[in-house]
Each structure stands twice: as structure tokens, then as C-alpha cells.
C-alpha atoms as a PDB file:
ATOM      1  CA  GLN A   1      22.353 -13.875  44.644  1.00  0.00           C
ATOM      2  CA  VAL A   2      25.755 -13.223  45.500  1.00  0.00           C
ATOM      3  CA  GLN A   3      27.455 -10.635  43.234  1.00  0.00           C
ATOM      4  CA  LEU A   4      31.123 -10.017  43.254  1.00  0.00           C
ATOM      5  CA  VAL A   5      32.866  -7.646  40.671  1.00  0.00           C
ATOM      6  CA  GLU A   6      36.648  -7.384  40.776  1.00  0.00           C
ATOM      7  CA  SER A   7      38.505  -4.905  38.737  1.00  0.00           C
ATOM      8  CA  GLY A   8      41.784  -2.987  38.571  1.00  0.00           C
ATOM      9  CA  GLY A   9      44.344  -5.838  37.557  1.00  0.00           C
ATOM     10  CA  GLY A  10      46.682  -5.416  34.717  1.00  0.00           C
ATOM     11  CA  LEU A  11      50.295  -5.797  33.473  1.00  0.00           C
ATOM     12  CA  VAL A  12      53.015  -4.059  35.624  1.00  0.00           C
ATOM     13  CA  GLN A  13      56.681  -4.444  36.017  1.00  0.00           C
ATOM     14  CA  PRO A  14      58.398  -6.005  39.175  1.00  0.00           C
ATOM     15  CA  GLY A  15      58.344  -3.319  41.831  1.00  0.00           C
ATOM     16  CA  GLY A  16      55.168  -1.553  40.414  1.00  0.00           C
ATOM     17  CA  SER A  17      51.792  -1.148  42.073  1.00  0.00           C
ATOM     18  CA  LEU A  18      48.371  -1.861  41.332  1.00  0.00           C
ATOM     19  CA  ARG A  19      45.064  -1.228  43.191  1.00  0.00           C
ATOM     20  CA  LEU A  20      42.294  -3.622  42.875  1.00  0.00           C
ATOM     21  CA  SER A  21      38.640  -2.934  43.667  1.00  0.00           C
ATOM     22  CA  CYS A  22      35.875  -5.250  44.761  1.00  0.00           C
ATOM     23  CA  VAL A  23      31.977  -4.373  44.585  1.00  0.00           C
ATOM     24  CA  TYR A  24      29.837  -6.968  46.245  1.00  0.00           C
ATOM     25  CA  SER A  25      26.025  -7.247  46.694  1.00  0.00           C
ATOM     26  CA  GLY A  26      23.434  -9.952  47.682  1.00  0.00           C
ATOM     27  CA  PRO A  27      23.534 -12.295  50.548  1.00  0.00           C
ATOM     28  CA  ILE A  28      27.074 -11.347  51.130  1.00  0.00           C
ATOM     29  CA  PHE A  29      26.189  -7.936  52.561  1.00  0.00           C
ATOM     30  CA  GLY A  30      26.027  -9.055  56.150  1.00  0.00           C
ATOM     31  CA  ILE A  31      29.251 -10.988  56.265  1.00  0.00           C
ATOM     32  CA  TYR A  32      31.661  -9.514  58.813  1.00  0.00           C
ATOM     33  CA  ILE A  33      34.924 -10.491  57.081  1.00  0.00           C
ATOM     34  CA  MET A  34      35.802 -10.009  53.587  1.00  0.00           C
ATOM     35  CA  GLY A  35      39.095 -11.154  51.908  1.00  0.00           C
ATOM     36  CA  TRP A  36      41.094 -11.244  48.655  1.00  0.00           C
ATOM     37  CA  TYR A  37      42.197 -14.497  47.238  1.00  0.00           C
ATOM     38  CA  ARG A  38      44.527 -15.325  44.292  1.00  0.00           C
ATOM     39  CA  GLN A  39      44.811 -18.376  42.144  1.00  0.00           C
ATOM     40  CA  VAL A  40      47.425 -19.490  39.563  1.00  0.00           C
ATOM     41  CA  PRO A  41      46.776 -22.305  37.033  1.00  0.00           C
ATOM     42  CA  GLY A  42      46.851 -25.848  38.669  1.00  0.00           C
ATOM     43  CA  LYS A  43      46.823 -24.287  42.247  1.00  0.00           C
ATOM     44  CA  GLN A  44      44.110 -23.842  44.870  1.00  0.00           C
ATOM     45  CA  ARG A  45      42.957 -20.287  45.497  1.00  0.00           C
ATOM     46  CA  GLU A  46      44.794 -18.885  48.430  1.00  0.00           C
ATOM     47  CA  LEU A  47      43.530 -16.116  50.888  1.00  0.00           C
ATOM     48  CA  VAL A  48      46.013 -13.334  50.860  1.00  0.00           C
ATOM     49  CA  ALA A  49      44.339 -10.654  52.952  1.00  0.00           C
ATOM     50  CA  SER A  50      41.218 -10.323  54.866  1.00  0.00           C
ATOM     51  CA  ILE A  51      39.285  -7.413  56.650  1.00  0.00           C
ATOM     52  CA  GLY A  52      36.587  -7.131  59.249  1.00  0.00           C
ATOM     53  CA  ARG A  53      33.798  -4.496  59.457  1.00  0.00           C
ATOM     54  CA  GLY A  54      35.738  -2.995  62.417  1.00  0.00           C
ATOM     55  CA  GLY A  55      39.109  -2.867  60.412  1.00  0.00           C
ATOM     56  CA  ASN A  56      40.808  -5.836  61.830  1.00  0.00           C
ATOM     57  CA  ILE A  57      43.099  -7.189  59.138  1.00  0.00           C
ATOM     58  CA  ASP A  58      45.313 -10.133  58.537  1.00  0.00           C
ATOM     59  CA  TYR A  59      47.859 -10.793  55.669  1.00  0.00           C
ATOM     60  CA  ALA A  60      49.451 -13.820  54.164  1.00  0.00           C
ATOM     61  CA  ASP A  61      53.211 -13.825  54.993  1.00  0.00           C
ATOM     62  CA  SER A  62      53.981 -13.722  51.377  1.00  0.00           C
ATOM     63  CA  VAL A  63      52.152 -10.179  50.976  1.00  0.00           C
ATOM     64  CA  LYS A  64      52.723  -8.699  54.414  1.00  0.00           C
ATOM     65  CA  GLY A  65      54.368  -5.271  54.134  1.00  0.00           C
ATOM     66  CA  ARG A  66      53.588  -4.845  50.459  1.00  0.00           C
ATOM     67  CA  PHE A  67      49.837  -5.024  50.104  1.00  0.00           C
ATOM     68  CA  THR A  68      47.017  -3.257  51.948  1.00  0.00           C
ATOM     69  CA  ILE A  69      43.480  -4.272  52.278  1.00  0.00           C
ATOM     70  CA  SER A  70      40.676  -1.754  53.040  1.00  0.00           C
ATOM     71  CA  ARG A  71      36.846  -1.557  52.728  1.00  0.00           C
ATOM     72  CA  ASP A  72      34.128   0.896  52.487  1.00  0.00           C
ATOM     73  CA  ASN A  73      31.269  -0.716  54.432  1.00  0.00           C
ATOM     74  CA  ALA A  74      28.678   1.816  53.300  1.00  0.00           C
ATOM     75  CA  ASP A  75      29.410   1.430  49.521  1.00  0.00           C
ATOM     76  CA  ASN A  76      29.905  -2.413  49.852  1.00  0.00           C
ATOM     77  CA  THR A  77      33.278  -2.048  48.320  1.00  0.00           C
ATOM     78  CA  MET A  78      36.806  -3.519  49.162  1.00  0.00           C
ATOM     79  CA  TYR A  79      40.272  -2.521  47.826  1.00  0.00           C
ATOM     80  CA  LEU A  80      43.770  -4.035  47.705  1.00  0.00           C
ATOM     81  CA  GLN A  81      46.585  -1.891  47.209  1.00  0.00           C
ATOM     82  CA  MET A  82      49.417  -3.871  45.989  1.00  0.00           C
ATOM     83  CA  ASN A  83      53.033  -2.171  45.978  1.00  0.00           C
ATOM     84  CA  SER A  84      56.387  -3.755  45.428  1.00  0.00           C
ATOM     85  CA  LEU A  85      54.841  -6.423  43.265  1.00  0.00           C
ATOM     86  CA  LYS A  86      56.862  -9.478  42.415  1.00  0.00           C
ATOM     87  CA  PRO A  87      56.442 -12.022  39.483  1.00  0.00           C
ATOM     88  CA  GLU A  88      55.186 -14.418  41.790  1.00  0.00           C
ATOM     89  CA  ASP A  89      52.203 -12.320  42.660  1.00  0.00           C
ATOM     90  CA  THR A  90      51.053 -13.101  39.149  1.00  0.00           C
ATOM     91  CA  ALA A  91      47.539 -14.641  39.486  1.00  0.00           C
ATOM     92  CA  VAL A  92      43.961 -14.088  39.151  1.00  0.00           C
ATOM     93  CA  TYR A  93      42.643 -12.145  42.079  1.00  0.00           C
ATOM     94  CA  TYR A  94      39.189 -12.729  43.409  1.00  0.00           C
ATOM     95  CA  CYS A  95      37.281 -11.133  46.378  1.00  0.00           C
ATOM     96  CA  ASN A  96      34.866 -13.201  48.622  1.00  0.00           C
ATOM     97  CA  ALA A  97      33.805 -13.936  52.305  1.00  0.00           C
ATOM     98  CA  PRO A  98      35.854 -16.648  53.875  1.00  0.00           C
ATOM     99  CA  SER A  99      32.976 -17.818  55.864  1.00  0.00           C
ATOM    100  CA  LEU A 100      31.174 -18.509  52.668  1.00  0.00           C
ATOM    101  CA  VAL A 101      33.993 -19.932  50.942  1.00  0.00           C
ATOM    102  CA  ASN A 102      34.530 -22.432  53.657  1.00  0.00           C
ATOM    103  CA  SER A 103      30.927 -23.305  53.877  1.00  0.00           C
ATOM    104  CA  LYS A 104      29.430 -26.572  52.339  1.00  0.00           C
ATOM    105  CA  GLY A 105      28.583 -26.425  48.755  1.00  0.00           C
ATOM    106  CA  TYR A 106      29.439 -22.726  48.321  1.00  0.00           C
ATOM    107  CA  ASP A 107      31.152 -21.983  44.882  1.00  0.00           C
ATOM    108  CA  ASP A 108      30.127 -18.559  44.070  1.00  0.00           C
ATOM    109  CA  TRP A 109      33.012 -16.294  42.570  1.00  0.00           C
ATOM    110  CA  GLY A 110      33.265 -13.352  40.352  1.00  0.00           C
ATOM    111  CA  GLN A 111      35.233 -13.188  37.251  1.00  0.00           C
ATOM    112  CA  GLY A 112      38.457 -12.230  38.895  1.00  0.00           C
ATOM    113  CA  THR A 113      40.913  -9.712  37.689  1.00  0.00           C
ATOM    114  CA  GLN A 114      44.300 -10.794  36.173  1.00  0.00           C
ATOM    115  CA  VAL A 115      47.491  -9.397  37.659  1.00  0.00           C
ATOM    116  CA  THR A 116      50.613  -9.930  35.819  1.00  0.00           C
ATOM    117  CA  VAL A 117      54.017  -8.882  37.128  1.00  0.00           C
ATOM    118  CA  SER A 118      56.771  -9.133  34.377  1.00  0.00           C
ATOM    119  CA  SER A 119      59.606  -7.282  33.003  1.00  0.00           C
END
């Protein structure tokens, strides 16, 4: 089964930084593109950053210039370095594969990691 374990969240002041980690295993191993999602209560999850095996990267406009996504293919680990954090970045952050997330009947998520940005 797909296993997704996110960590690294916490409480930080505006302008601060956090580094999130995601360790993944199972059928997700061979997926080319991995991504970070976030969700706030009452809202759908949104994809904030994605990265392919070859290092091709995309960011949502809201995080561009502040967040950096990276991955270690050998260790099946993905990271999200978050700098210049804003209160609107507060959310539960999840990792997953967009191709799976967008597939019929797929609803396999980790526990997520809470990021709270507040003075």
C-alpha cells in the first residue's frame, strides 16, 4: 500500500522558516512527479509545489520565490523548504503524487503535518 509520512511542521512567526519532509513507499515508488499539497478547514487541498525525477519544478503563484521543493530519489524522500512564511500559509501540508491524486477513486493520504504561522 501507499505510505506517506510527513513531518517538520510547527508554529512559526511571520517571516520565519520551516523545512518539511516526506518519506514515501509502496506503489508510489515509480511515479515520476511528486508534490506538496496544503489544506485549510473548509477548503479543498491545493497543490503548492511539484517536482519530477529529473528535477523539473513547478510552484503555485502564492508560494513562488518563498518555497523550495526538492527530492532524493534514492531515499524516496521529498522536502519543502518554506521561507518568508505568511499567516496565509497556515495549513496542514501533505505529500502525494498528482497523477494518483487525480485518478479515479484514489484517496490515500498521510497524516499531514500542521504548519501554523502566527505572531
